[in-house]
All heavy atoms as atom14 arrays in JSON, in Angstrom:
{
  "sequence": "LKGQQGWYTKYWASKVGRKSVAAFVNVVAVN",
  "atom14_mask": [
    [1, 1, 1, 1, 1, 1, 1, 1, 0, 0, 0, 0, 0, 0],
    [1, 1, 1, 1, 1, 1, 1, 1, 1, 0, 0, 0, 0, 0],
    [1, 1, 1, 1, 0, 0, 0, 0, 0, 0, 0, 0, 0, 0],
    [1, 1, 1, 1, 1, 1, 1, 1, 1, 0, 0, 0, 0, 0],
    [1, 1, 1, 1, 1, 1, 1, 1, 1, 0, 0, 0, 0, 0],
    [1, 1, 1, 1, 0, 0, 0, 0, 0, 0, 0, 0, 0, 0],
    [1, 1, 1, 1, 1, 1, 1, 1, 1, 1, 1, 1, 1, 1],
    [1, 1, 1, 1, 1, 1, 1, 1, 1, 1, 1, 1, 0, 0],
    [1, 1, 1, 1, 1, 1, 1, 0, 0, 0, 0, 0, 0, 0],
    [1, 1, 1, 1, 1, 1, 1, 1, 1, 0, 0, 0, 0, 0],
    [1, 1, 1, 1, 1, 1, 1, 1, 1, 1, 1, 1, 0, 0],
    [1, 1, 1, 1, 1, 1, 1, 1, 1, 1, 1, 1, 1, 1],
    [1, 1, 1, 1, 1, 0, 0, 0, 0, 0, 0, 0, 0, 0],
    [1, 1, 1, 1, 1, 1, 0, 0, 0, 0, 0, 0, 0, 0],
    [1, 1, 1, 1, 1, 1, 1, 1, 1, 0, 0, 0, 0, 0],
    [1, 1, 1, 1, 1, 1, 1, 0, 0, 0, 0, 0, 0, 0],
    [1, 1, 1, 1, 0, 0, 0, 0, 0, 0, 0, 0, 0, 0],
    [1, 1, 1, 1, 1, 1, 1, 1, 1, 1, 1, 0, 0, 0],
    [1, 1, 1, 1, 1, 1, 1, 1, 1, 0, 0, 0, 0, 0],
    [1, 1, 1, 1, 1, 1, 0, 0, 0, 0, 0, 0, 0, 0],
    [1, 1, 1, 1, 1, 1, 1, 0, 0, 0, 0, 0, 0, 0],
    [1, 1, 1, 1, 1, 0, 0, 0, 0, 0, 0, 0, 0, 0],
    [1, 1, 1, 1, 1, 0, 0, 0, 0, 0, 0, 0, 0, 0],
    [1, 1, 1, 1, 1, 1, 1, 1, 1, 1, 1, 0, 0, 0],
    [1, 1, 1, 1, 1, 1, 1, 0, 0, 0, 0, 0, 0, 0],
    [1, 1, 1, 1, 1, 1, 1, 1, 0, 0, 0, 0, 0, 0],
    [1, 1, 1, 1, 1, 1, 1, 0, 0, 0, 0, 0, 0, 0],
    [1, 1, 1, 1, 1, 1, 1, 0, 0, 0, 0, 0, 0, 0],
    [1, 1, 1, 1, 1, 0, 0, 0, 0, 0, 0, 0, 0, 0],
    [1, 1, 1, 1, 1, 1, 1, 0, 0, 0, 0, 0, 0, 0],
    [1, 1, 1, 1, 1, 1, 1, 1, 0, 0, 0, 0, 0, 0]
  ],
  "atom14_positions": [
    [[-12.41, 0.01, -9.97], [-13.25, 1.07, -9.45], [-12.4, 2.19, -8.86], [-11.34, 1.93, -8.28], [-14.21, 0.54, -8.38], [-15.15, -0.6, -8.77], [-16.02, -1.0, -7.59], [-16.02, -0.19, -9.95], [0.0, 0.0, 0.0], [0.0, 0.0, 0.0], [0.0, 0.0, 0.0], [0.0, 0.0, 0.0], [0.0, 0.0, 0.0], [0.0, 0.0, 0.0]],
    [[-12.87, 3.41, -8.96], [-12.11, 4.53, -8.43], [-11.92, 4.39, -6.93], [-10.86, 4.75, -6.4], [-12.81, 5.84, -8.77], [-12.69, 6.24, -10.23], [-13.31, 7.62, -10.48], [-13.12, 8.04, -11.94], [-13.72, 9.37, -12.21], [0.0, 0.0, 0.0], [0.0, 0.0, 0.0], [0.0, 0.0, 0.0], [0.0, 0.0, 0.0], [0.0, 0.0, 0.0]],
    [[-12.95, 3.92, -6.23], [-12.82, 3.73, -4.79], [-11.75, 2.72, -4.44], [-11.02, 2.89, -3.46], [0.0, 0.0, 0.0], [0.0, 0.0, 0.0], [0.0, 0.0, 0.0], [0.0, 0.0, 0.0], [0.0, 0.0, 0.0], [0.0, 0.0, 0.0], [0.0, 0.0, 0.0], [0.0, 0.0, 0.0], [0.0, 0.0, 0.0], [0.0, 0.0, 0.0]],
    [[-11.64, 1.67, -5.22], [-10.6, 0.67, -5.01], [-9.21, 1.26, -5.24], [-8.26, 0.97, -4.51], [-10.83, -0.52, -5.94], [-12.1, -1.31, -5.63], [-12.42, -2.34, -6.68], [-11.86, -2.34, -7.78], [-13.35, -3.23, -6.37], [0.0, 0.0, 0.0], [0.0, 0.0, 0.0], [0.0, 0.0, 0.0], [0.0, 0.0, 0.0], [0.0, 0.0, 0.0]],
    [[-9.1, 2.11, -6.25], [-7.82, 2.76, -6.52], [-7.41, 3.68, -5.36], [-6.24, 3.72, -4.97], [-7.91, 3.58, -7.81], [-8.09, 2.72, -9.05], [-8.33, 3.56, -10.27], [-7.91, 4.71, -10.35], [-9.01, 3.0, -11.26], [0.0, 0.0, 0.0], [0.0, 0.0, 0.0], [0.0, 0.0, 0.0], [0.0, 0.0, 0.0], [0.0, 0.0, 0.0]],
    [[-8.39, 4.39, -4.81], [-8.09, 5.27, -3.68], [-7.62, 4.5, -2.47], [-6.69, 4.93, -1.76], [0.0, 0.0, 0.0], [0.0, 0.0, 0.0], [0.0, 0.0, 0.0], [0.0, 0.0, 0.0], [0.0, 0.0, 0.0], [0.0, 0.0, 0.0], [0.0, 0.0, 0.0], [0.0, 0.0, 0.0], [0.0, 0.0, 0.0], [0.0, 0.0, 0.0]],
    [[-8.24, 3.36, -2.21], [-7.85, 2.53, -1.08], [-6.42, 2.01, -1.27], [-5.6, 2.02, -0.36], [-8.83, 1.36, -0.95], [-9.1, 0.89, 0.45], [-10.19, 1.19, 1.22], [-8.31, -0.01, 1.23], [-10.11, 0.55, 2.43], [-8.96, -0.19, 2.47], [-7.1, -0.66, 1.02], [-8.46, -1.0, 3.48], [-6.58, -1.48, 2.03], [-7.26, -1.64, 3.24]],
    [[-6.13, 1.58, -2.47], [-4.79, 1.09, -2.84], [-3.75, 2.18, -2.59], [-2.7, 1.93, -1.99], [-4.83, 0.67, -4.3], [-3.51, 0.34, -4.97], [-3.01, -0.96, -4.95], [-2.8, 1.32, -5.67], [-1.82, -1.27, -5.6], [-1.61, 1.0, -6.31], [-1.13, -0.3, -6.29], [0.05, -0.6, -6.93], [0.0, 0.0, 0.0], [0.0, 0.0, 0.0]],
    [[-4.04, 3.38, -3.06], [-3.1, 4.49, -2.9], [-2.85, 4.78, -1.42], [-1.7, 4.98, -0.99], [-3.64, 5.75, -3.59], [-3.83, 5.47, -4.98], [-2.68, 6.91, -3.44], [0.0, 0.0, 0.0], [0.0, 0.0, 0.0], [0.0, 0.0, 0.0], [0.0, 0.0, 0.0], [0.0, 0.0, 0.0], [0.0, 0.0, 0.0], [0.0, 0.0, 0.0]],
    [[-3.92, 4.77, -0.64], [-3.8, 5.07, 0.79], [-3.0, 3.98, 1.51], [-2.19, 4.26, 2.4], [-5.18, 5.24, 1.41], [-5.17, 5.8, 2.82], [-6.59, 6.08, 3.3], [-6.56, 6.66, 4.73], [-7.95, 6.92, 5.21], [0.0, 0.0, 0.0], [0.0, 0.0, 0.0], [0.0, 0.0, 0.0], [0.0, 0.0, 0.0], [0.0, 0.0, 0.0]],
    [[-3.25, 2.74, 1.14], [-2.49, 1.63, 1.76], [-1.0, 1.79, 1.51], [-0.19, 1.7, 2.42], [-2.98, 0.29, 1.22], [-2.08, -0.88, 1.61], [-2.25, -1.51, 2.83], [-1.07, -1.33, 0.76], [-1.43, -2.58, 3.21], [-0.24, -2.38, 1.13], [-0.42, -3.0, 2.35], [0.4, -4.04, 2.72], [0.0, 0.0, 0.0], [0.0, 0.0, 0.0]],
    [[-0.62, 2.05, 0.26], [0.8, 2.13, -0.06], [1.46, 3.39, 0.48], [2.69, 3.45, 0.58], [1.0, 2.01, -1.57], [0.87, 0.59, -2.03], [-0.13, 0.05, -2.77], [1.78, -0.47, -1.74], [0.07, -1.29, -2.97], [1.26, -1.64, -2.34], [2.97, -0.57, -1.04], [1.89, -2.88, -2.27], [3.61, -1.81, -0.97], [3.07, -2.94, -1.57]],
    [[0.65, 4.36, 0.88], [1.21, 5.56, 1.55], [1.38, 5.34, 3.05], [1.95, 6.2, 3.74], [0.3, 6.76, 1.3], [0.0, 0.0, 0.0], [0.0, 0.0, 0.0], [0.0, 0.0, 0.0], [0.0, 0.0, 0.0], [0.0, 0.0, 0.0], [0.0, 0.0, 0.0], [0.0, 0.0, 0.0], [0.0, 0.0, 0.0], [0.0, 0.0, 0.0]],
    [[0.91, 4.2, 3.56], [0.94, 3.94, 5.0], [2.35, 3.69, 5.51], [3.22, 3.19, 4.78], [0.08, 2.71, 5.33], [-1.26, 2.91, 4.96], [0.0, 0.0, 0.0], [0.0, 0.0, 0.0], [0.0, 0.0, 0.0], [0.0, 0.0, 0.0], [0.0, 0.0, 0.0], [0.0, 0.0, 0.0], [0.0, 0.0, 0.0], [0.0, 0.0, 0.0]],
    [[2.53, 4.01, 6.78], [3.76, 3.69, 7.48], [3.43, 2.94, 8.76], [2.41, 3.18, 9.39], [4.56, 4.96, 7.8], [5.14, 5.63, 6.56], [6.08, 6.76, 6.93], [6.72, 7.35, 5.68], [7.69, 8.43, 6.01], [0.0, 0.0, 0.0], [0.0, 0.0, 0.0], [0.0, 0.0, 0.0], [0.0, 0.0, 0.0], [0.0, 0.0, 0.0]],
    [[4.3, 2.02, 9.11], [4.18, 1.29, 10.37], [5.44, 1.62, 11.16], [6.55, 1.28, 10.75], [4.05, -0.22, 10.15], [3.86, -0.94, 11.48], [2.87, -0.52, 9.21], [0.0, 0.0, 0.0], [0.0, 0.0, 0.0], [0.0, 0.0, 0.0], [0.0, 0.0, 0.0], [0.0, 0.0, 0.0], [0.0, 0.0, 0.0], [0.0, 0.0, 0.0]],
    [[5.25, 2.28, 12.29], [6.4, 2.87, 12.94], [6.89, 3.99, 12.04], [6.13, 4.85, 11.61], [0.0, 0.0, 0.0], [0.0, 0.0, 0.0], [0.0, 0.0, 0.0], [0.0, 0.0, 0.0], [0.0, 0.0, 0.0], [0.0, 0.0, 0.0], [0.0, 0.0, 0.0], [0.0, 0.0, 0.0], [0.0, 0.0, 0.0], [0.0, 0.0, 0.0]],
    [[8.13, 3.97, 11.69], [8.67, 4.96, 10.76], [8.96, 4.37, 9.4], [9.54, 5.04, 8.54], [9.94, 5.57, 11.35], [9.7, 6.36, 12.63], [10.97, 7.03, 13.1], [10.74, 7.83, 14.3], [11.67, 8.55, 14.9], [12.92, 8.57, 14.42], [11.38, 9.26, 15.98], [0.0, 0.0, 0.0], [0.0, 0.0, 0.0], [0.0, 0.0, 0.0]],
    [[8.55, 3.11, 9.19], [8.85, 2.44, 7.93], [7.65, 2.46, 6.99], [6.51, 2.28, 7.41], [9.26, 0.99, 8.18], [10.62, 0.8, 8.82], [10.94, -0.68, 8.91], [12.32, -0.93, 9.48], [12.64, -2.39, 9.51], [0.0, 0.0, 0.0], [0.0, 0.0, 0.0], [0.0, 0.0, 0.0], [0.0, 0.0, 0.0], [0.0, 0.0, 0.0]],
    [[7.94, 2.63, 5.69], [6.9, 2.45, 4.68], [6.41, 1.01, 4.71], [7.2, 0.07, 4.93], [7.46, 2.77, 3.3], [6.59, 2.31, 2.29], [0.0, 0.0, 0.0], [0.0, 0.0, 0.0], [0.0, 0.0, 0.0], [0.0, 0.0, 0.0], [0.0, 0.0, 0.0], [0.0, 0.0, 0.0], [0.0, 0.0, 0.0], [0.0, 0.0, 0.0]],
    [[5.12, 0.82, 4.47], [4.6, -0.54, 4.42], [5.32, -1.36, 3.35], [5.43, -2.6, 3.46], [3.07, -0.53, 4.19], [2.74, -0.06, 2.78], [2.46, -1.89, 4.46], [0.0, 0.0, 0.0], [0.0, 0.0, 0.0], [0.0, 0.0, 0.0], [0.0, 0.0, 0.0], [0.0, 0.0, 0.0], [0.0, 0.0, 0.0], [0.0, 0.0, 0.0]],
    [[5.86, -0.69, 2.34], [6.59, -1.39, 1.28], [7.82, -2.12, 1.8], [8.26, -3.1, 1.21], [7.0, -0.4, 0.19], [0.0, 0.0, 0.0], [0.0, 0.0, 0.0], [0.0, 0.0, 0.0], [0.0, 0.0, 0.0], [0.0, 0.0, 0.0], [0.0, 0.0, 0.0], [0.0, 0.0, 0.0], [0.0, 0.0, 0.0], [0.0, 0.0, 0.0]],
    [[8.37, -1.65, 2.93], [9.57, -2.28, 3.48], [9.28, -3.69, 4.0], [10.22, -4.47, 4.21], [10.13, -1.42, 4.62], [0.0, 0.0, 0.0], [0.0, 0.0, 0.0], [0.0, 0.0, 0.0], [0.0, 0.0, 0.0], [0.0, 0.0, 0.0], [0.0, 0.0, 0.0], [0.0, 0.0, 0.0], [0.0, 0.0, 0.0], [0.0, 0.0, 0.0]],
    [[8.01, -4.02, 4.19], [7.65, -5.31, 4.78], [7.24, -6.36, 3.77], [6.88, -7.48, 4.17], [6.53, -5.1, 5.81], [6.92, -4.22, 6.97], [6.6, -2.88, 6.98], [7.65, -4.75, 8.03], [6.97, -2.06, 8.04], [8.03, -3.95, 9.1], [7.69, -2.59, 9.1], [0.0, 0.0, 0.0], [0.0, 0.0, 0.0], [0.0, 0.0, 0.0]],
    [[7.24, -6.03, 2.47], [6.83, -7.01, 1.47], [7.91, -7.18, 0.42], [8.71, -6.28, 0.17], [5.5, -6.61, 0.8], [4.39, -6.48, 1.83], [5.63, -5.33, -0.01], [0.0, 0.0, 0.0], [0.0, 0.0, 0.0], [0.0, 0.0, 0.0], [0.0, 0.0, 0.0], [0.0, 0.0, 0.0], [0.0, 0.0, 0.0], [0.0, 0.0, 0.0]],
    [[7.91, -8.35, -0.21], [8.84, -8.64, -1.31], [8.2, -8.45, -2.67], [8.89, -8.27, -3.67], [9.35, -10.08, -1.2], [10.04, -10.35, 0.11], [9.49, -11.02, 0.98], [11.24, -9.82, 0.29], [0.0, 0.0, 0.0], [0.0, 0.0, 0.0], [0.0, 0.0, 0.0], [0.0, 0.0, 0.0], [0.0, 0.0, 0.0], [0.0, 0.0, 0.0]],
    [[6.85, -8.54, -2.71], [6.13, -8.52, -3.99], [4.9, -7.64, -3.86], [4.19, -7.69, -2.85], [5.7, -9.96, -4.38], [4.86, -9.94, -5.66], [6.9, -10.86, -4.56], [0.0, 0.0, 0.0], [0.0, 0.0, 0.0], [0.0, 0.0, 0.0], [0.0, 0.0, 0.0], [0.0, 0.0, 0.0], [0.0, 0.0, 0.0], [0.0, 0.0, 0.0]],
    [[4.62, -6.85, -4.88], [3.39, -6.07, -5.0], [2.37, -6.92, -5.75], [2.72, -7.6, -6.73], [3.64, -4.76, -5.77], [2.35, -3.99, -6.0], [4.66, -3.9, -5.01], [0.0, 0.0, 0.0], [0.0, 0.0, 0.0], [0.0, 0.0, 0.0], [0.0, 0.0, 0.0], [0.0, 0.0, 0.0], [0.0, 0.0, 0.0], [0.0, 0.0, 0.0]],
    [[1.09, -6.9, -5.31], [0.07, -7.73, -5.94], [-1.12, -6.89, -6.39], [-1.61, -6.05, -5.64], [-0.41, -8.82, -4.99], [0.0, 0.0, 0.0], [0.0, 0.0, 0.0], [0.0, 0.0, 0.0], [0.0, 0.0, 0.0], [0.0, 0.0, 0.0], [0.0, 0.0, 0.0], [0.0, 0.0, 0.0], [0.0, 0.0, 0.0], [0.0, 0.0, 0.0]],
    [[-1.57, -7.13, -7.61], [-2.77, -6.5, -8.15], [-3.64, -7.57, -8.81], [-3.14, -8.59, -9.26], [-2.42, -5.4, -9.17], [-1.82, -4.19, -8.49], [-1.46, -5.91, -10.25], [0.0, 0.0, 0.0], [0.0, 0.0, 0.0], [0.0, 0.0, 0.0], [0.0, 0.0, 0.0], [0.0, 0.0, 0.0], [0.0, 0.0, 0.0], [0.0, 0.0, 0.0]],
    [[-4.94, -7.32, -8.83], [-5.88, -8.18, -9.56], [-6.45, -7.35, -10.7], [-7.32, -6.5, -10.48], [-7.01, -8.67, -8.63], [-6.51, -9.63, -7.58], [-5.35, -10.06, -7.6], [-7.38, -9.99, -6.65], [0.0, 0.0, 0.0], [0.0, 0.0, 0.0], [0.0, 0.0, 0.0], [0.0, 0.0, 0.0], [0.0, 0.0, 0.0], [0.0, 0.0, 0.0]]
  ]
}
């Protein structure tokens, strides 16, 4: 769904502190 894609994009654009959320995971997951 387009809404699901938008949520996904927003999540991966997130930062915690000054770090990308990607810095905290080893694997990307999709269904």
